[in-house]
N, C-alpha and C. Protein backbone atom coordinates (compact mmCIF):
# COMPACT_ATOMS: atom_id res chain seq x y z
N UNK A 1 0.82 -0.89 0.30
CA UNK A 1 0.23 -0.04 -0.24
C UNK A 1 0.44 1.37 0.24
N UNK A 2 1.79 0.76 0.95
CA UNK A 2 2.87 2.30 0.67
C UNK A 2 3.48 2.27 -0.49
N UNK A 3 3.54 1.62 -1.46
CA UNK A 3 4.34 1.58 -2.73
C UNK A 3 3.26 2.31 -3.84
N UNK A 4 1.66 2.68 -3.71
CA UNK A 4 1.08 3.24 -4.43
C UNK A 4 1.19 4.55 -3.82
N UNK A 5 1.48 5.40 -2.61
CA UNK A 5 1.70 6.39 -2.16
C UNK A 5 3.01 6.45 -2.82
N UNK A 6 3.78 5.92 -2.70
CA UNK A 6 5.41 6.57 -3.00
C UNK A 6 5.49 6.54 -4.84
N UNK A 7 4.48 5.77 -5.24
CA UNK A 7 4.92 5.72 -6.71
C UNK A 7 4.82 6.94 -7.65
N UNK A 8 3.92 8.25 -6.81
CA UNK A 8 4.30 9.28 -7.38
C UNK A 8 4.91 10.13 -7.06
N UNK A 9 5.56 9.88 -6.20
CA UNK A 9 6.80 11.37 -5.27
C UNK A 9 7.96 11.60 -6.16
N UNK A 10 8.31 10.03 -7.08
CA UNK A 10 9.70 10.52 -7.82
C UNK A 10 9.34 11.58 -9.03
N UNK A 11 8.01 11.11 -9.62
CA UNK A 11 7.72 11.95 -11.13
C UNK A 11 7.50 13.39 -10.18
N UNK A 12 6.71 13.27 -9.16
CA UNK A 12 6.47 14.40 -9.31
C UNK A 12 7.64 15.66 -8.14
N UNK A 13 8.54 15.16 -7.51
CA UNK A 13 9.64 15.67 -7.16
C UNK A 13 10.22 15.84 -8.08
N UNK A 14 10.98 15.16 -8.94
CA UNK A 14 11.80 15.47 -10.37
C UNK A 14 11.14 16.73 -11.29
N UNK A 15 9.96 16.18 -11.51
CA UNK A 15 9.55 17.02 -12.63
C UNK A 15 9.30 18.77 -11.64
N UNK A 16 9.15 18.54 -10.34
CA UNK A 16 9.20 19.98 -9.76
C UNK A 16 10.62 20.61 -10.04
N UNK A 17 11.86 20.01 -9.78
CA UNK A 17 12.95 20.21 -9.48
C UNK A 17 13.58 20.85 -11.15
N UNK A 18 12.86 19.77 -11.92
CA UNK A 18 13.38 20.12 -13.25
C UNK A 18 12.52 21.81 -13.27
N UNK A 19 10.56 21.88 -13.21
CA UNK A 19 9.94 23.16 -13.82
C UNK A 19 11.16 24.34 -12.71
N UNK A 20 11.41 24.55 -11.38
CA UNK A 20 11.68 25.04 -10.73
C UNK A 20 12.97 25.47 -11.55
N UNK A 21 13.82 24.40 -11.69
CA UNK A 21 15.26 24.90 -12.52
C UNK A 21 14.76 25.91 -13.82
N UNK A 22 14.28 25.09 -14.35
CA UNK A 22 14.13 26.25 -15.76
C UNK A 22 13.44 27.49 -15.33
N UNK A 23 11.91 27.37 -14.09
CA UNK A 23 11.68 28.60 -14.24
C UNK A 23 12.46 29.99 -13.44
N UNK A 24 13.74 29.52 -12.52
CA UNK A 24 14.71 30.70 -12.58
C UNK A 24 15.24 31.49 -13.37
N UNK A 25 15.19 30.66 -14.50
CA UNK A 25 15.99 31.13 -15.74
C UNK A 25 15.15 32.28 -16.31
N UNK A 26 13.60 32.24 -16.22
CA UNK A 26 12.72 33.48 -16.69
C UNK A 26 12.72 34.43 -15.40
N UNK A 27 12.69 35.88 -15.49
CA UNK A 27 12.72 36.75 -14.86
C UNK A 27 11.05 37.09 -13.92
N UNK A 28 10.18 36.85 -14.72
CA UNK A 28 9.15 36.61 -14.39
C UNK A 28 8.49 38.08 -13.99
N UNK A 29 7.06 38.13 -13.64
CA UNK A 29 6.45 39.28 -13.04
C UNK A 29 7.44 39.81 -11.64
N UNK A 30 7.50 39.09 -10.71
CA UNK A 30 7.48 39.15 -9.32
C UNK A 30 8.85 39.28 -9.44
N UNK A 31 9.44 38.67 -10.33
CA UNK A 31 11.19 39.06 -10.28
C UNK A 31 11.71 37.24 -9.32
N UNK A 32 13.14 37.05 -9.76
CA UNK A 32 13.32 36.09 -8.99
C UNK A 32 13.18 35.95 -7.64
N UNK A 33 13.54 36.71 -6.61
CA UNK A 33 14.07 36.46 -5.65
C UNK A 33 12.42 36.38 -4.67
N UNK A 34 11.78 37.10 -5.15
CA UNK A 34 10.32 36.86 -4.62
C UNK A 34 9.52 35.56 -5.12
N UNK A 35 10.36 35.27 -6.66
CA UNK A 35 9.53 33.57 -6.71
C UNK A 35 9.69 32.74 -6.24
N UNK A 36 11.78 32.85 -5.85
CA UNK A 36 11.81 31.59 -5.04
C UNK A 36 11.75 31.65 -3.26
N UNK A 37 11.43 32.65 -2.73
CA UNK A 37 11.10 32.66 -1.55
C UNK A 37 9.40 32.14 -2.02
N UNK A 38 8.90 33.20 -2.55
CA UNK A 38 7.30 32.17 -2.61
C UNK A 38 7.36 30.71 -2.27
N UNK A 39 7.71 30.53 -3.68
CA UNK A 39 8.27 29.03 -4.02
C UNK A 39 9.24 27.88 -2.76
N UNK A 40 9.50 28.38 -2.32
CA UNK A 40 10.12 28.04 -0.86
C UNK A 40 8.96 27.86 0.19
N UNK A 41 8.71 28.76 0.15
CA UNK A 41 6.78 29.13 1.45
C UNK A 41 6.17 28.04 0.80
N UNK A 42 5.74 27.50 -0.24
CA UNK A 42 4.76 26.69 -1.00
C UNK A 42 5.09 25.59 -0.74
N UNK A 43 6.51 25.06 -0.77
CA UNK A 43 7.36 23.79 -0.98
C UNK A 43 7.01 23.17 0.61
N UNK A 44 7.43 24.03 1.69
CA UNK A 44 7.26 23.78 2.91
C UNK A 44 5.89 23.21 3.20
N UNK A 45 4.85 24.54 2.83
CA UNK A 45 3.33 24.30 2.40
C UNK A 45 2.55 22.91 2.72
N UNK A 46 3.59 22.53 1.40
CA UNK A 46 2.96 21.07 0.50
C UNK A 46 3.09 20.34 0.96
N UNK A 47 4.43 20.01 1.58
CA UNK A 47 5.01 18.96 2.21
C UNK A 47 4.49 18.64 3.19
N UNK A 48 4.01 19.43 3.87
CA UNK A 48 3.33 19.35 5.11
C UNK A 48 1.60 18.77 5.35
N UNK A 49 1.31 19.88 4.25
CA UNK A 49 -0.52 19.26 3.96
C UNK A 49 -0.17 18.11 3.62
N UNK A 50 0.81 17.75 2.49
CA UNK A 50 0.60 16.09 1.74
C UNK A 50 0.92 14.93 2.68
N UNK A 51 2.48 15.44 3.50
CA UNK A 51 2.58 14.04 4.49
C UNK A 51 1.34 14.12 5.41
N UNK A 52 0.78 15.10 5.87
CA UNK A 52 -0.50 14.68 7.05
C UNK A 52 -2.16 14.71 7.21
N UNK A 53 -2.10 14.46 5.14
CA UNK A 53 -3.52 14.83 5.11
C UNK A 53 -4.27 13.02 5.43
N UNK A 54 -5.17 12.47 5.36
CA UNK A 54 -6.05 11.50 5.77
C UNK A 54 -4.90 10.75 6.14
N UNK A 55 -4.50 10.64 7.46
CA UNK A 55 -3.52 10.78 8.39
C UNK A 55 -5.16 9.55 9.25
N UNK A 56 -6.28 10.44 9.74
CA UNK A 56 -7.13 9.35 10.45
C UNK A 56 -7.35 7.81 9.59
N UNK A 57 -7.67 8.51 8.14
CA UNK A 57 -8.54 7.77 7.49
C UNK A 57 -7.18 6.30 7.39
N UNK A 58 -6.11 6.78 7.42
CA UNK A 58 -4.69 5.63 6.78
C UNK A 58 -4.64 4.52 8.38
N UNK A 59 -4.72 5.22 9.87
CA UNK A 59 -4.74 4.69 10.58
C UNK A 59 -6.18 4.11 10.66
N UNK A 60 -6.91 4.48 10.54
CA UNK A 60 -8.37 3.42 10.97
C UNK A 60 -7.99 1.79 10.18
N UNK A 61 -7.99 2.57 8.76
CA UNK A 61 -7.46 0.88 7.64
C UNK A 61 -6.31 0.47 8.33
N UNK A 62 -5.35 1.09 8.95
CA UNK A 62 -4.14 0.18 9.92
C UNK A 62 -4.46 -0.72 10.52
N UNK A 63 -5.36 -0.54 11.64
CA UNK A 63 -5.97 -1.01 12.95
C UNK A 63 -6.49 -2.03 12.06
N UNK A 64 -7.87 -1.57 10.93
CA UNK A 64 -8.64 -3.21 10.82
C UNK A 64 -7.77 -3.81 9.99
N UNK A 65 -6.73 -3.97 9.63
CA UNK A 65 -6.27 -4.58 8.70
C UNK A 65 -6.42 -5.95 8.58
N UNK A 66 -6.98 -6.94 8.15
CA UNK A 66 -6.71 -8.28 8.30
C UNK A 66 -5.87 -8.96 6.93
N UNK A 67 -5.35 -10.20 7.34
CA UNK A 67 -4.65 -10.95 6.92
C UNK A 67 -4.93 -11.77 5.61
N UNK A 68 -3.80 -11.54 4.73
CA UNK A 68 -4.68 -11.88 3.14
C UNK A 68 -4.64 -13.16 3.22
N UNK A 69 -6.11 -13.10 2.50
CA UNK A 69 -6.47 -14.19 2.70
C UNK A 69 -6.15 -15.04 0.99
N UNK A 70 -5.68 -16.85 0.04
CA UNK A 70 -5.84 -16.66 -0.74
C UNK A 70 -6.09 -16.16 -2.06
N UNK A 71 -7.71 -15.81 -1.69
CA UNK A 71 -7.99 -15.19 -3.03
C UNK A 71 -8.00 -13.51 -2.94
N UNK A 72 -7.24 -13.30 -2.17
CA UNK A 72 -6.93 -11.44 -2.37
C UNK A 72 -5.81 -11.48 -3.37
N UNK A 73 -6.15 -10.38 -4.61
CA UNK A 73 -5.19 -10.40 -5.16
C UNK A 73 -4.55 -9.22 -4.82
N UNK A 74 -3.09 -9.10 -4.51
CA UNK A 74 -2.23 -8.17 -4.36
C UNK A 74 -1.31 -8.10 -5.55
N UNK A 75 -0.69 -7.28 -6.17
CA UNK A 75 -0.09 -6.47 -6.72
C UNK A 75 1.35 -6.39 -6.31
N UNK A 76 2.42 -6.76 -7.27
CA UNK A 76 3.88 -6.84 -7.10
C UNK A 76 4.45 -5.34 -6.92
N UNK A 77 5.39 -5.00 -6.35
CA UNK A 77 5.82 -3.25 -6.45
C UNK A 77 6.11 -2.59 -7.93
N UNK A 78 6.21 -3.43 -8.57
CA UNK A 78 7.00 -3.20 -9.70
C UNK A 78 5.52 -2.72 -10.52
N UNK A 79 4.58 -3.82 -10.59
CA UNK A 79 3.13 -3.68 -11.39
C UNK A 79 2.55 -2.43 -11.09
N UNK A 80 2.33 -1.84 -9.34
CA UNK A 80 1.82 -1.07 -8.51
C UNK A 80 2.37 0.06 -9.50
N UNK A 81 3.79 0.41 -8.91
CA UNK A 81 4.18 1.61 -9.52
C UNK A 81 4.40 2.06 -11.07
N UNK A 82 4.09 1.08 -12.17
CA UNK A 82 3.42 1.35 -13.38
C UNK A 82 2.51 1.85 -13.73
N UNK A 83 1.27 1.19 -13.31
CA UNK A 83 -0.22 1.04 -13.46
C UNK A 83 -0.12 2.91 -12.92
N UNK A 84 0.35 2.90 -11.79
CA UNK A 84 -0.04 4.34 -11.09
C UNK A 84 1.17 5.45 -12.12
N UNK A 85 1.65 5.23 -12.78
CA UNK A 85 2.30 6.19 -13.39
C UNK A 85 1.94 6.42 -14.81
N UNK A 86 1.57 5.04 -15.64
CA UNK A 86 0.38 5.17 -16.67
C UNK A 86 -0.57 5.74 -16.32
N UNK A 87 -1.23 5.81 -15.62
CA UNK A 87 -2.74 6.24 -15.20
C UNK A 87 -2.56 7.52 -14.92
N UNK A 88 -1.15 8.14 -14.68
CA UNK A 88 -1.52 9.40 -14.22
C UNK A 88 -0.69 10.48 -14.83
N UNK A 89 -0.29 10.05 -15.75
CA UNK A 89 1.20 10.52 -17.07
C UNK A 89 0.79 11.92 -17.82
N UNK A 90 -0.71 11.96 -17.66
CA UNK A 90 -1.46 13.23 -17.73
C UNK A 90 -1.46 14.22 -17.34
N UNK A 91 -1.96 13.44 -15.78
CA UNK A 91 -1.98 14.68 -14.98
C UNK A 91 -0.90 15.19 -14.44
N UNK A 92 0.29 14.57 -14.53
CA UNK A 92 1.66 15.05 -14.33
C UNK A 92 2.31 15.54 -15.47
N UNK A 93 1.93 15.56 -16.67
CA UNK A 93 2.31 16.44 -17.48
C UNK A 93 1.64 17.53 -17.82
N UNK A 94 0.59 17.77 -17.24
CA UNK A 94 -0.23 18.72 -17.13
C UNK A 94 0.38 19.49 -15.79
N UNK A 95 0.51 18.97 -14.72
CA UNK A 95 1.23 19.56 -13.70
C UNK A 95 2.42 20.34 -13.83
N UNK A 96 3.24 19.73 -14.68
CA UNK A 96 4.19 20.06 -15.16
C UNK A 96 4.32 21.46 -15.95
N UNK A 97 3.40 21.41 -16.66
CA UNK A 97 3.20 22.56 -18.12
C UNK A 97 2.70 23.71 -17.18
N UNK A 98 1.41 23.47 -15.98
CA UNK A 98 1.16 24.13 -15.07
C UNK A 98 2.00 25.31 -14.39
N UNK A 99 3.46 24.25 -13.74
CA UNK A 99 4.56 24.93 -12.86
C UNK A 99 5.50 25.84 -14.08
N UNK A 100 5.44 25.15 -15.13
CA UNK A 100 6.08 26.30 -15.94
C UNK A 100 5.41 27.12 -16.34
N UNK A 101 4.43 27.01 -16.97
CA UNK A 101 3.56 28.45 -17.34
C UNK A 101 3.65 29.76 -15.88
N UNK A 102 3.70 28.62 -14.73
CA UNK A 102 3.43 29.99 -13.69
C UNK A 102 5.36 30.48 -13.58
N UNK A 103 5.67 30.30 -14.13
CA UNK A 103 7.03 30.84 -14.25
C UNK A 103 7.02 32.34 -14.60
N UNK A 104 6.48 32.52 -15.66
CA UNK A 104 6.50 34.04 -16.12
C UNK A 104 5.25 34.38 -15.11
N UNK A 105 5.14 34.16 -13.90
CA UNK A 105 4.52 35.47 -13.18
C UNK A 105 5.03 34.79 -12.08
N UNK A 106 5.84 33.79 -11.46
CA UNK A 106 6.48 33.44 -10.26
C UNK A 106 7.49 33.00 -10.28
N UNK A 107 8.56 33.22 -10.64
CA UNK A 107 9.38 32.29 -11.23
C UNK A 107 9.74 31.02 -9.62
N UNK A 108 9.77 30.04 -10.83
CA UNK A 108 10.00 28.84 -9.33
C UNK A 108 9.06 28.45 -8.72
N UNK A 109 8.30 29.39 -8.49
CA UNK A 109 7.26 29.08 -7.33
C UNK A 109 6.66 27.25 -8.07
N UNK A 110 5.89 27.43 -9.00
CA UNK A 110 5.13 26.21 -9.38
C UNK A 110 5.93 25.14 -9.40
N UNK A 111 7.07 24.73 -9.51
CA UNK A 111 8.12 23.97 -9.84
C UNK A 111 8.52 23.62 -8.12
N UNK A 112 8.44 24.09 -7.30
CA UNK A 112 8.76 23.94 -6.09
C UNK A 112 7.41 23.62 -5.33
N UNK A 113 6.37 23.68 -5.90
CA UNK A 113 5.21 23.42 -5.31
C UNK A 113 4.79 22.00 -5.47
N UNK A 114 5.21 21.44 -6.67
CA UNK A 114 5.28 20.30 -7.25
C UNK A 114 6.30 19.46 -6.67
N UNK A 115 7.27 19.99 -6.25
CA UNK A 115 8.51 19.38 -5.64
C UNK A 115 7.94 18.77 -4.04
N UNK A 116 7.28 19.79 -3.71
CA UNK A 116 7.01 19.88 -2.75
C UNK A 116 5.80 18.58 -2.36
N UNK A 117 5.10 18.73 -3.31
CA UNK A 117 3.70 17.82 -3.56
C UNK A 117 5.00 16.24 -3.57
N UNK A 118 5.68 15.83 -4.08
CA UNK A 118 6.33 14.34 -4.03
C UNK A 118 7.41 14.17 -3.35
N UNK A 119 7.42 15.65 -2.05
CA UNK A 119 8.88 15.31 -1.05
C UNK A 119 7.68 15.00 -0.03
N UNK A 120 6.06 15.49 0.18
CA UNK A 120 5.48 15.14 0.67
C UNK A 120 5.08 13.79 1.27
N UNK A 121 4.72 13.48 -0.02
CA UNK A 121 4.50 11.76 -0.75
C UNK A 121 5.57 11.00 0.14
N UNK A 122 6.50 11.11 -0.36
CA UNK A 122 8.17 10.55 -0.25
C UNK A 122 7.75 10.37 1.75
N UNK A 123 7.65 11.56 2.85
CA UNK A 123 7.22 11.27 3.94
C UNK A 123 6.36 10.19 4.52
N UNK A 124 5.10 10.47 3.17
CA UNK A 124 4.30 9.58 3.96
C UNK A 124 4.12 8.24 3.34
N UNK A 125 4.51 8.37 2.59
CA UNK A 125 5.30 6.34 2.32
C UNK A 125 6.43 6.14 3.68
N UNK A 126 7.47 6.69 4.13
CA UNK A 126 8.00 6.57 5.16
C UNK A 126 7.42 5.94 6.49
N UNK A 127 6.27 7.45 6.88
CA UNK A 127 5.51 7.27 8.41
C UNK A 127 4.69 5.95 8.42
N UNK A 128 4.13 5.56 6.89
CA UNK A 128 3.69 4.02 6.76
C UNK A 128 4.63 2.79 6.96
N UNK A 129 6.18 3.40 6.14
CA UNK A 129 7.17 2.19 6.19
C UNK A 129 6.96 1.96 8.19
N UNK A 130 7.34 3.23 8.93
CA UNK A 130 7.71 2.76 10.07
C UNK A 130 6.37 1.90 10.51
N UNK A 131 5.43 2.49 10.47
CA UNK A 131 3.95 1.65 10.58
C UNK A 131 3.86 0.12 10.67
N UNK A 132 4.69 -0.13 9.50
CA UNK A 132 4.71 -1.79 8.83
C UNK A 132 5.79 -2.37 9.49
N UNK A 133 6.53 -1.28 10.34
CA UNK A 133 7.49 -2.50 10.93
C UNK A 133 7.37 -2.36 12.12
N UNK A 134 6.64 -1.47 12.54
CA UNK A 134 6.55 -1.82 13.98
C UNK A 134 5.00 -2.71 14.19
N UNK A 135 4.48 -3.28 13.25
CA UNK A 135 3.50 -4.07 13.34
C UNK A 135 4.17 -5.05 12.82
N UNK A 136 4.94 -5.06 11.61
CA UNK A 136 5.91 -6.53 11.31
C UNK A 136 5.62 -7.03 10.80
N UNK A 137 4.86 -6.18 9.91
CA UNK A 137 3.74 -6.88 8.81
C UNK A 137 3.63 -5.61 7.41
N UNK A 138 3.56 -6.45 6.36
CA UNK A 138 3.56 -5.24 5.39
C UNK A 138 2.34 -5.09 5.13
N UNK A 139 1.67 -3.92 4.66
CA UNK A 139 0.18 -3.54 4.40
C UNK A 139 -0.22 -3.63 2.90
N UNK A 140 -1.19 -3.96 2.45
CA UNK A 140 -1.63 -3.97 1.15
C UNK A 140 -3.16 -3.59 1.13
N UNK A 141 -3.27 -3.24 -0.31
CA UNK A 141 -4.38 -2.88 -0.92
C UNK A 141 -4.98 -3.94 -2.07
N UNK A 142 -6.38 -4.64 -1.64
CA UNK A 142 -6.71 -5.20 -3.18
C UNK A 142 -6.47 -4.07 -4.24
N UNK A 143 -6.24 -5.05 -5.22
CA UNK A 143 -6.18 -4.11 -6.15
C UNK A 143 -7.37 -3.79 -6.95
N UNK A 144 -9.08 -4.67 -7.16
CA UNK A 144 -9.84 -4.49 -7.43
C UNK A 144 -10.66 -3.44 -6.65
N UNK A 145 -9.69 -2.62 -5.24
CA UNK A 145 -10.23 -1.70 -4.93
C UNK A 145 -9.80 -0.39 -4.97
N UNK A 146 -8.43 -0.54 -5.50
CA UNK A 146 -7.86 1.04 -6.59
C UNK A 146 -8.71 1.42 -7.47
N UNK A 147 -8.51 2.46 -7.65
CA UNK A 147 -9.33 3.34 -8.49
C UNK A 147 -8.66 3.00 -10.11
N UNK A 148 -9.42 3.29 -11.06
CA UNK A 148 -8.91 2.84 -12.37
C UNK A 148 -8.12 2.85 -12.63
N UNK A 149 -7.06 4.49 -11.93
CA UNK A 149 -5.77 4.63 -12.43
C UNK A 149 -4.17 4.13 -11.24
N UNK A 150 -5.14 3.05 -10.82
CA UNK A 150 -3.94 2.41 -9.64
C UNK A 150 -3.73 3.47 -8.69
N UNK A 151 -4.50 4.31 -8.43
CA UNK A 151 -4.62 4.84 -6.80
C UNK A 151 -5.17 5.21 -6.45
N UNK A 152 -5.54 5.64 -5.11
CA UNK A 152 -6.29 5.82 -3.92
C UNK A 152 -6.09 4.89 -3.33
N UNK A 153 -5.13 4.77 -2.56
CA UNK A 153 -5.11 3.82 -1.54
C UNK A 153 -5.69 3.76 -0.38
N UNK A 154 -6.60 4.92 0.07
CA UNK A 154 -7.28 5.49 1.18
C UNK A 154 -8.60 5.72 0.82
N UNK A 155 -9.48 5.85 -0.28
CA UNK A 155 -10.38 6.34 -1.19
C UNK A 155 -11.43 5.22 -0.22
N UNK A 156 -12.58 6.04 -0.82
CA UNK A 156 -13.94 4.69 -0.17
C UNK A 156 -14.28 3.66 -0.86
N UNK A 157 -13.45 3.14 -1.89
CA UNK A 157 -13.94 1.62 -1.96
C UNK A 157 -13.01 0.48 -1.13
N UNK A 158 -11.92 1.08 -0.65
CA UNK A 158 -11.18 0.77 0.23
C UNK A 158 -11.46 0.14 1.67
N UNK A 159 -11.91 -0.84 1.85
CA UNK A 159 -12.87 -1.15 2.97
C UNK A 159 -11.76 -1.71 4.35
N UNK A 160 -10.71 -1.86 3.92
CA UNK A 160 -9.17 -2.64 5.16
C UNK A 160 -8.11 -2.83 4.02
N UNK A 161 -7.17 -2.52 4.75
CA UNK A 161 -5.63 -2.96 4.10
C UNK A 161 -5.72 -4.56 4.52
N UNK A 162 -5.41 -5.24 3.57
CA UNK A 162 -4.68 -6.68 3.78
C UNK A 162 -2.77 -6.95 4.17
N UNK A 163 -2.89 -7.92 5.17
CA UNK A 163 -1.24 -8.12 5.57
C UNK A 163 -0.64 -9.30 5.29
N UNK A 164 0.46 -8.76 5.22
CA UNK A 164 1.23 -10.58 4.82
C UNK A 164 2.45 -9.77 5.68
N UNK A 165 3.41 -11.15 5.51
CA UNK A 165 4.94 -10.77 6.81
C UNK A 165 5.61 -10.26 6.20
N UNK A 166 6.59 -10.00 6.83
CA UNK A 166 7.57 -8.32 5.82
C UNK A 166 7.98 -8.74 5.30
N UNK A 167 8.33 -10.43 4.56
CA UNK A 167 9.38 -11.28 3.50
C UNK A 167 8.55 -11.64 2.31
N UNK A 168 6.89 -10.81 2.73
CA UNK A 168 6.40 -11.04 1.72
C UNK A 168 6.11 -9.99 0.38
N UNK A 169 6.09 -10.62 -1.44
CA UNK A 169 6.34 -9.60 -2.32
C UNK A 169 8.12 -9.18 -2.79
N UNK A 170 7.81 -7.99 -3.35
CA UNK A 170 9.51 -7.33 -3.70
C UNK A 170 9.08 -6.25 -3.24
N UNK A 171 8.45 -5.85 -1.96
CA UNK A 171 8.68 -4.30 -1.53
C UNK A 171 9.25 -4.51 -0.30
N UNK A 172 9.88 -3.69 0.39
CA UNK A 172 10.16 -3.43 1.75
C UNK A 172 9.43 -2.50 2.37
N UNK A 173 9.09 -2.64 3.64
CA UNK A 173 8.05 -1.41 4.43
C UNK A 173 8.70 -0.36 3.82
N UNK A 174 7.09 0.58 3.17
CA UNK A 174 7.36 1.98 3.14
C UNK A 174 7.47 2.25 1.30
N UNK A 175 7.65 0.81 1.09
CA UNK A 175 7.18 0.50 -0.21
C UNK A 175 8.45 1.26 -1.22
N UNK A 176 9.55 0.91 -0.87
CA UNK A 176 11.02 0.71 -1.22
C UNK A 176 11.42 -0.16 -1.81
N UNK A 177 12.29 -0.78 -2.81
CA UNK A 177 12.84 -1.58 -3.43
C UNK A 177 13.23 -2.65 -2.46
N UNK A 178 12.72 -3.78 -2.66
CA UNK A 178 13.97 -4.47 -1.95
C UNK A 178 14.58 -5.26 -1.90
N UNK A 179 16.15 -4.96 -1.12
CA UNK A 179 17.17 -5.02 -1.51
C UNK A 179 17.77 -6.45 -0.95
N UNK A 180 18.36 -7.08 -1.83
CA UNK A 180 18.69 -8.54 -1.59
C UNK A 180 19.69 -8.73 -1.30
N UNK A 181 20.32 -9.30 -0.25
CA UNK A 181 21.68 -9.80 0.51
C UNK A 181 22.69 -10.22 -0.90
N UNK A 182 23.87 -9.22 -1.28
CA UNK A 182 24.95 -9.71 -2.07
C UNK A 182 25.22 -11.46 -1.88
N UNK A 183 24.85 -12.10 -3.02
CA UNK A 183 25.70 -13.33 -3.24
C UNK A 183 27.24 -13.16 -3.00
N UNK A 184 28.16 -14.38 -2.14
CA UNK A 184 29.64 -14.22 -1.93
C UNK A 184 29.91 -15.17 -2.90
């Protein structure tokens, strides 16, 4: 489940960094200094809001997590990330273009806002990873409860999370790629 949360962190973060970098090159209406300061404020606010939004819903779903049965359909990490990114590619492109377009008014602010959203998702996935380590179980969302684009892991359709052992699947706690021990 943290995989779905984390799937958008890298594209949002990198697109935001690129948009902010390109946005700094444009003088804009407000000037670079005001744009960068406004962008820094937006980065901090977006990071905090995205990281803390819907925490009560996640807590309730984590508390009601049931052991995954043999009829539950769970996705591998790579499949979940690919599904999320394919389902949201047009939204990511529109957000990137909006961040670039906003640079003509307030340089770098839109890109830093986008990067803040990506950082907030990364922090939320890290929080979920700490919860998974504390519970000593990976948390999953059934595939049929996710929306058509592979997102909304705490949406209305999700009734409860499923849990498996910590070694199940190809994801580590927090949605990161599992690192295997090196062969000697």
